């Protein structure tokens, strides 16, 4: 059961980070209110895209094979 859910967790983690890091609204909000923390979070951009794509592909593979 955990083997089936884990790829979806990775995908949604990546999706959430991509939305926060790439959305102009959240970028402006983050830079105005939490500038140092948002700058550190921006360093996670490659991890966000990697989690989004690999988690998505892994989830699709699980759906296809089950």
PDB file of N, CA and C in Angstrom:
ATOM      1  N   UNK A   1       0.822  -1.186   0.000  1.00  0.00           N
ATOM      2  CA  UNK A   1       0.000   0.000   0.000  1.00  0.00           C
ATOM      3  C   UNK A   1       0.873   1.259   0.000  1.00  0.00           C
ATOM      4  N   UNK A   2       1.902   1.271   0.829  1.00  0.00           N
ATOM      5  CA  UNK A   2       2.798   2.421   0.886  1.00  0.00           C
ATOM      6  C   UNK A   2       3.551   2.593  -0.431  1.00  0.00           C
ATOM      7  N   UNK A   3       3.854   1.480  -1.091  1.00  0.00           N
ATOM      8  CA  UNK A   3       4.519   1.549  -2.395  1.00  0.00           C
ATOM      9  C   UNK A   3       3.648   2.229  -3.436  1.00  0.00           C
ATOM     10  N   UNK A   4       2.350   2.169  -3.282  1.00  0.00           N
ATOM     11  CA  UNK A   4       1.443   2.802  -4.231  1.00  0.00           C
ATOM     12  C   UNK A   4       1.265   4.288  -3.917  1.00  0.00           C
ATOM     13  N   UNK A   5       1.233   4.664  -2.634  1.00  0.00           N
ATOM     14  CA  UNK A   5       0.956   6.042  -2.224  1.00  0.00           C
ATOM     15  C   UNK A   5       2.192   6.936  -2.320  1.00  0.00           C
ATOM     16  N   UNK A   6       3.370   6.406  -2.059  1.00  0.00           N
ATOM     17  CA  UNK A   6       4.591   7.209  -1.999  1.00  0.00           C
ATOM     18  C   UNK A   6       4.848   8.037  -3.267  1.00  0.00           C
ATOM     19  N   UNK A   7       4.719   7.487  -4.477  1.00  0.00           N
ATOM     20  CA  UNK A   7       4.947   8.314  -5.674  1.00  0.00           C
ATOM     21  C   UNK A   7       3.981   9.497  -5.779  1.00  0.00           C
ATOM     22  N   UNK A   8       2.750   9.311  -5.330  1.00  0.00           N
ATOM     23  CA  UNK A   8       1.792  10.414  -5.350  1.00  0.00           C
ATOM     24  C   UNK A   8       2.198  11.503  -4.356  1.00  0.00           C
ATOM     25  N   UNK A   9       2.740  11.099  -3.201  1.00  0.00           N
ATOM     26  CA  UNK A   9       3.221  12.083  -2.224  1.00  0.00           C
ATOM     27  C   UNK A   9       4.374  12.896  -2.810  1.00  0.00           C
ATOM     28  N   UNK A  10       5.293  12.231  -3.506  1.00  0.00           N
ATOM     29  CA  UNK A  10       6.410  12.925  -4.145  1.00  0.00           C
ATOM     30  C   UNK A  10       5.888  13.879  -5.216  1.00  0.00           C
ATOM     31  N   UNK A  11       4.930  13.437  -6.018  1.00  0.00           N
ATOM     32  CA  UNK A  11       4.357  14.275  -7.063  1.00  0.00           C
ATOM     33  C   UNK A  11       3.682  15.516  -6.483  1.00  0.00           C
ATOM     34  N   UNK A  12       2.853  15.337  -5.460  1.00  0.00           N
ATOM     35  CA  UNK A  12       2.131  16.478  -4.897  1.00  0.00           C
ATOM     36  C   UNK A  12       3.060  17.421  -4.135  1.00  0.00           C
ATOM     37  N   UNK A  13       4.122  16.893  -3.535  1.00  0.00           N
ATOM     38  CA  UNK A  13       5.135  17.749  -2.923  1.00  0.00           C
ATOM     39  C   UNK A  13       5.782  18.631  -3.995  1.00  0.00           C
ATOM     40  N   UNK A  14       6.172  18.030  -5.095  1.00  0.00           N
ATOM     41  CA  UNK A  14       6.757  18.791  -6.194  1.00  0.00           C
ATOM     42  C   UNK A  14       5.772  19.785  -6.784  1.00  0.00           C
ATOM     43  N   UNK A  15       4.522  19.373  -6.941  1.00  0.00           N
ATOM     44  CA  UNK A  15       3.490  20.260  -7.480  1.00  0.00           C
ATOM     45  C   UNK A  15       3.303  21.479  -6.583  1.00  0.00           C
ATOM     46  N   UNK A  16       3.228  21.269  -5.285  1.00  0.00           N
ATOM     47  CA  UNK A  16       3.055  22.372  -4.347  1.00  0.00           C
ATOM     48  C   UNK A  16       4.237  23.339  -4.415  1.00  0.00           C
ATOM     49  N   UNK A  17       5.451  22.805  -4.424  1.00  0.00           N
ATOM     50  CA  UNK A  17       6.625  23.666  -4.500  1.00  0.00           C
ATOM     51  C   UNK A  17       6.709  24.411  -5.828  1.00  0.00           C
ATOM     52  N   UNK A  18       6.369  23.758  -6.921  1.00  0.00           N
ATOM     53  CA  UNK A  18       6.402  24.421  -8.227  1.00  0.00           C
ATOM     54  C   UNK A  18       5.389  25.560  -8.256  1.00  0.00           C
ATOM     55  N   UNK A  19       4.210  25.338  -7.710  1.00  0.00           N
ATOM     56  CA  UNK A  19       3.203  26.402  -7.674  1.00  0.00           C
ATOM     57  C   UNK A  19       3.691  27.583  -6.851  1.00  0.00           C
ATOM     58  N   UNK A  20       4.258  27.314  -5.695  1.00  0.00           N
ATOM     59  CA  UNK A  20       4.728  28.396  -4.827  1.00  0.00           C
ATOM     60  C   UNK A  20       5.935  29.119  -5.432  1.00  0.00           C
ATOM     61  N   UNK A  21       6.854  28.377  -6.020  1.00  0.00           N
ATOM     62  CA  UNK A  21       8.083  28.995  -6.522  1.00  0.00           C
ATOM     63  C   UNK A  21       7.936  29.647  -7.893  1.00  0.00           C
ATOM     64  N   UNK A  22       6.982  29.214  -8.694  1.00  0.00           N
ATOM     65  CA  UNK A  22       6.868  29.731 -10.059  1.00  0.00           C
ATOM     66  C   UNK A  22       5.716  30.719 -10.253  1.00  0.00           C
ATOM     67  N   UNK A  23       4.810  30.796  -9.314  1.00  0.00           N
ATOM     68  CA  UNK A  23       3.675  31.707  -9.430  1.00  0.00           C
ATOM     69  C   UNK A  23       4.113  33.139  -9.123  1.00  0.00           C
ATOM     70  N   UNK A  24       3.816  34.099 -10.009  1.00  0.00           N
ATOM     71  CA  UNK A  24       4.202  35.494  -9.745  1.00  0.00           C
ATOM     72  C   UNK A  24       3.577  36.049  -8.460  1.00  0.00           C
ATOM     73  N   UNK A  25       2.340  35.638  -8.156  1.00  0.00           N
ATOM     74  CA  UNK A  25       1.692  36.102  -6.932  1.00  0.00           C
ATOM     75  C   UNK A  25       2.481  35.657  -5.697  1.00  0.00           C
ATOM     76  N   UNK A  26       2.822  34.362  -5.635  1.00  0.00           N
ATOM     77  CA  UNK A  26       3.545  33.849  -4.476  1.00  0.00           C
ATOM     78  C   UNK A  26       4.988  34.355  -4.439  1.00  0.00           C
ATOM     79  N   UNK A  27       5.600  34.598  -5.584  1.00  0.00           N
ATOM     80  CA  UNK A  27       6.943  35.168  -5.605  1.00  0.00           C
ATOM     81  C   UNK A  27       6.944  36.559  -4.982  1.00  0.00           C
ATOM     82  N   UNK A  28       5.996  37.390  -5.394  1.00  0.00           N
ATOM     83  CA  UNK A  28       5.928  38.749  -4.862  1.00  0.00           C
ATOM     84  C   UNK A  28       5.601  38.728  -3.370  1.00  0.00           C
ATOM     85  N   UNK A  29       4.664  37.877  -2.974  1.00  0.00           N
ATOM     86  CA  UNK A  29       4.288  37.755  -1.573  1.00  0.00           C
ATOM     87  C   UNK A  29       5.461  37.249  -0.731  1.00  0.00           C
ATOM     88  N   UNK A  30       6.163  36.251  -1.229  1.00  0.00           N
ATOM     89  CA  UNK A  30       7.301  35.700  -0.501  1.00  0.00           C
ATOM     90  C   UNK A  30       8.443  36.678  -0.360  1.00  0.00           C
ATOM     91  N   UNK A  31       8.729  37.424  -1.413  1.00  0.00           N
ATOM     92  CA  UNK A  31       9.832  38.390  -1.343  1.00  0.00           C
ATOM     93  C   UNK A  31       9.484  39.579  -0.449  1.00  0.00           C
ATOM     94  N   UNK A  32       8.216  39.955  -0.385  1.00  0.00           N
ATOM     95  CA  UNK A  32       7.854  41.109   0.443  1.00  0.00           C
ATOM     96  C   UNK A  32       7.740  40.751   1.920  1.00  0.00           C
ATOM     97  N   UNK A  33       7.263  39.551   2.227  1.00  0.00           N
ATOM     98  CA  UNK A  33       7.028  39.210   3.635  1.00  0.00           C
ATOM     99  C   UNK A  33       8.092  38.317   4.253  1.00  0.00           C
ATOM    100  N   UNK A  34       8.682  37.422   3.508  1.00  0.00           N
ATOM    101  CA  UNK A  34       9.662  36.484   4.065  1.00  0.00           C
ATOM    102  C   UNK A  34      10.913  36.425   3.213  1.00  0.00           C
ATOM    103  N   UNK A  35      11.493  37.531   2.947  1.00  0.00           N
ATOM    104  CA  UNK A  35      12.589  37.596   1.985  1.00  0.00           C
ATOM    105  C   UNK A  35      13.715  36.585   2.229  1.00  0.00           C
ATOM    106  N   UNK A  36      14.313  36.501   3.446  1.00  0.00           N
ATOM    107  CA  UNK A  36      15.393  35.515   3.627  1.00  0.00           C
ATOM    108  C   UNK A  36      14.910  34.064   3.510  1.00  0.00           C
ATOM    109  N   UNK A  37      13.751  33.780   4.074  1.00  0.00           N
ATOM    110  CA  UNK A  37      13.232  32.407   4.021  1.00  0.00           C
ATOM    111  C   UNK A  37      12.850  32.031   2.591  1.00  0.00           C
ATOM    112  N   UNK A  38      12.263  32.973   1.854  1.00  0.00           N
ATOM    113  CA  UNK A  38      11.877  32.689   0.475  1.00  0.00           C
ATOM    114  C   UNK A  38      13.111  32.513  -0.409  1.00  0.00           C
ATOM    115  N   UNK A  39      14.159  33.253  -0.116  1.00  0.00           N
ATOM    116  CA  UNK A  39      15.401  33.101  -0.871  1.00  0.00           C
ATOM    117  C   UNK A  39      15.990  31.709  -0.658  1.00  0.00           C
ATOM    118  N   UNK A  40      15.949  31.231   0.578  1.00  0.00           N
ATOM    119  CA  UNK A  40      16.421  29.861   0.847  1.00  0.00           C
ATOM    120  C   UNK A  40      15.523  28.838   0.164  1.00  0.00           C
ATOM    121  N   UNK A  41      14.221  29.077   0.187  1.00  0.00           N
ATOM    122  CA  UNK A  41      13.280  28.160  -0.456  1.00  0.00           C
ATOM    123  C   UNK A  41      13.488  28.129  -1.963  1.00  0.00           C
ATOM    124  N   UNK A  42      13.883  29.250  -2.550  1.00  0.00           N
ATOM    125  CA  UNK A  42      14.125  29.300  -3.996  1.00  0.00           C
ATOM    126  C   UNK A  42      15.272  28.382  -4.413  1.00  0.00           C
ATOM    127  N   UNK A  43      16.150  28.065  -3.501  1.00  0.00           N
ATOM    128  CA  UNK A  43      17.228  27.123  -3.793  1.00  0.00           C
ATOM    129  C   UNK A  43      16.728  25.708  -4.013  1.00  0.00           C
ATOM    130  N   UNK A  44      15.485  25.457  -3.642  1.00  0.00           N
ATOM    131  CA  UNK A  44      14.894  24.127  -3.802  1.00  0.00           C
ATOM    132  C   UNK A  44      14.169  23.976  -5.130  1.00  0.00           C
ATOM    133  N   UNK A  45      14.300  24.947  -6.018  1.00  0.00           N
ATOM    134  CA  UNK A  45      13.605  24.909  -7.310  1.00  0.00           C
ATOM    135  C   UNK A  45      13.956  23.654  -8.126  1.00  0.00           C
ATOM    136  N   UNK A  46      15.245  23.262  -8.244  1.00  0.00           N
ATOM    137  CA  UNK A  46      15.540  22.017  -8.990  1.00  0.00           C
ATOM    138  C   UNK A  46      14.907  20.775  -8.348  1.00  0.00           C
ATOM    139  N   UNK A  47      14.884  20.737  -7.020  1.00  0.00           N
ATOM    140  CA  UNK A  47      14.250  19.616  -6.326  1.00  0.00           C
ATOM    141  C   UNK A  47      12.750  19.594  -6.603  1.00  0.00           C
ATOM    142  N   UNK A  48      12.133  20.767  -6.651  1.00  0.00           N
ATOM    143  CA  UNK A  48      10.692  20.847  -6.916  1.00  0.00           C
ATOM    144  C   UNK A  48      10.365  20.292  -8.295  1.00  0.00           C
ATOM    145  N   UNK A  49      11.103  20.717  -9.319  1.00  0.00           N
ATOM    146  CA  UNK A  49      10.835  20.240 -10.681  1.00  0.00           C
ATOM    147  C   UNK A  49      11.148  18.761 -10.823  1.00  0.00           C
ATOM    148  N   UNK A  50      12.215  18.299 -10.173  1.00  0.00           N
ATOM    149  CA  UNK A  50      12.568  16.882 -10.221  1.00  0.00           C
ATOM    150  C   UNK A  50      11.480  16.038  -9.558  1.00  0.00           C
ATOM    151  N   UNK A  51      11.017  16.473  -8.389  1.00  0.00           N
ATOM    152  CA  UNK A  51       9.951  15.740  -7.698  1.00  0.00           C
ATOM    153  C   UNK A  51       8.668  15.746  -8.508  1.00  0.00           C
ATOM    154  N   UNK A  52       8.370  16.868  -9.134  1.00  0.00           N
ATOM    155  CA  UNK A  52       7.153  16.987  -9.930  1.00  0.00           C
ATOM    156  C   UNK A  52       7.166  16.003 -11.108  1.00  0.00           C
ATOM    157  N   UNK A  53       8.262  16.002 -11.880  1.00  0.00           N
ATOM    158  CA  UNK A  53       8.308  15.138 -13.063  1.00  0.00           C
ATOM    159  C   UNK A  53       8.516  13.665 -12.717  1.00  0.00           C
ATOM    160  N   UNK A  54       9.466  13.371 -11.847  1.00  0.00           N
ATOM    161  CA  UNK A  54       9.710  11.965 -11.521  1.00  0.00           C
ATOM    162  C   UNK A  54       8.558  11.362 -10.725  1.00  0.00           C
ATOM    163  N   UNK A  55       7.989  12.126  -9.801  1.00  0.00           N
ATOM    164  CA  UNK A  55       6.826  11.640  -9.059  1.00  0.00           C
ATOM    165  C   UNK A  55       5.641  11.418  -9.976  1.00  0.00           C
ATOM    166  N   UNK A  56       5.464  12.310 -10.956  1.00  0.00           N
ATOM    167  CA  UNK A  56       4.380  12.144 -11.916  1.00  0.00           C
ATOM    168  C   UNK A  56       4.564  10.918 -12.781  1.00  0.00           C
ATOM    169  N   UNK A  57       5.765  10.726 -13.286  1.00  0.00           N
ATOM    170  CA  UNK A  57       6.033   9.546 -14.115  1.00  0.00           C
ATOM    171  C   UNK A  57       5.904   8.256 -13.314  1.00  0.00           C
ATOM    172  N   UNK A  58       6.405   8.295 -12.092  1.00  0.00           N
ATOM    173  CA  UNK A  58       6.338   7.123 -11.226  1.00  0.00           C
ATOM    174  C   UNK A  58       4.882   6.803 -10.886  1.00  0.00           C
ATOM    175  N   UNK A  59       4.074   7.840 -10.645  1.00  0.00           N
ATOM    176  CA  UNK A  59       2.652   7.642 -10.354  1.00  0.00           C
ATOM    177  C   UNK A  59       1.930   7.062 -11.560  1.00  0.00           C
ATOM    178  N   UNK A  60       2.238   7.577 -12.732  1.00  0.00           N
ATOM    179  CA  UNK A  60       1.617   7.038 -13.953  1.00  0.00           C
ATOM    180  C   UNK A  60       1.999   5.579 -14.170  1.00  0.00           C
ATOM    181  N   UNK A  61       3.246   5.248 -13.885  1.00  0.00           N
ATOM    182  CA  UNK A  61       3.682   3.863 -14.020  1.00  0.00           C
ATOM    183  C   UNK A  61       2.906   2.970 -13.050  1.00  0.00           C
ATOM    184  N   UNK A  62       2.730   3.428 -11.828  1.00  0.00           N
ATOM    185  CA  UNK A  62       1.969   2.642 -10.845  1.00  0.00           C
ATOM    186  C   UNK A  62       0.532   2.450 -11.288  1.00  0.00           C
ATOM    187  N   UNK A  63      -0.074   3.499 -11.841  1.00  0.00           N
ATOM    188  CA  UNK A  63      -1.460   3.379 -12.304  1.00  0.00           C
ATOM    189  C   UNK A  63      -1.572   2.446 -13.505  1.00  0.00           C
ATOM    190  N   UNK A  64      -0.576   2.528 -14.373  1.00  0.00           N
ATOM    191  CA  UNK A  64      -0.602   1.705 -15.584  1.00  0.00           C
ATOM    192  C   UNK A  64      -0.403   0.232 -15.268  1.00  0.00           C
ATOM    193  N   UNK A  65       0.477  -0.057 -14.334  1.00  0.00           N
ATOM    194  CA  UNK A  65       0.803  -1.452 -14.025  1.00  0.00           C
ATOM    195  C   UNK A  65      -0.127  -2.094 -13.015  1.00  0.00           C
ATOM    196  N   UNK A  66      -0.985  -1.312 -12.379  1.00  0.00           N
ATOM    197  CA  UNK A  66      -1.862  -1.939 -11.370  1.00  0.00           C
ATOM    198  C   UNK A  66      -3.271  -2.148 -11.897  1.00  0.00           C
TER     199      UNK A  66
END
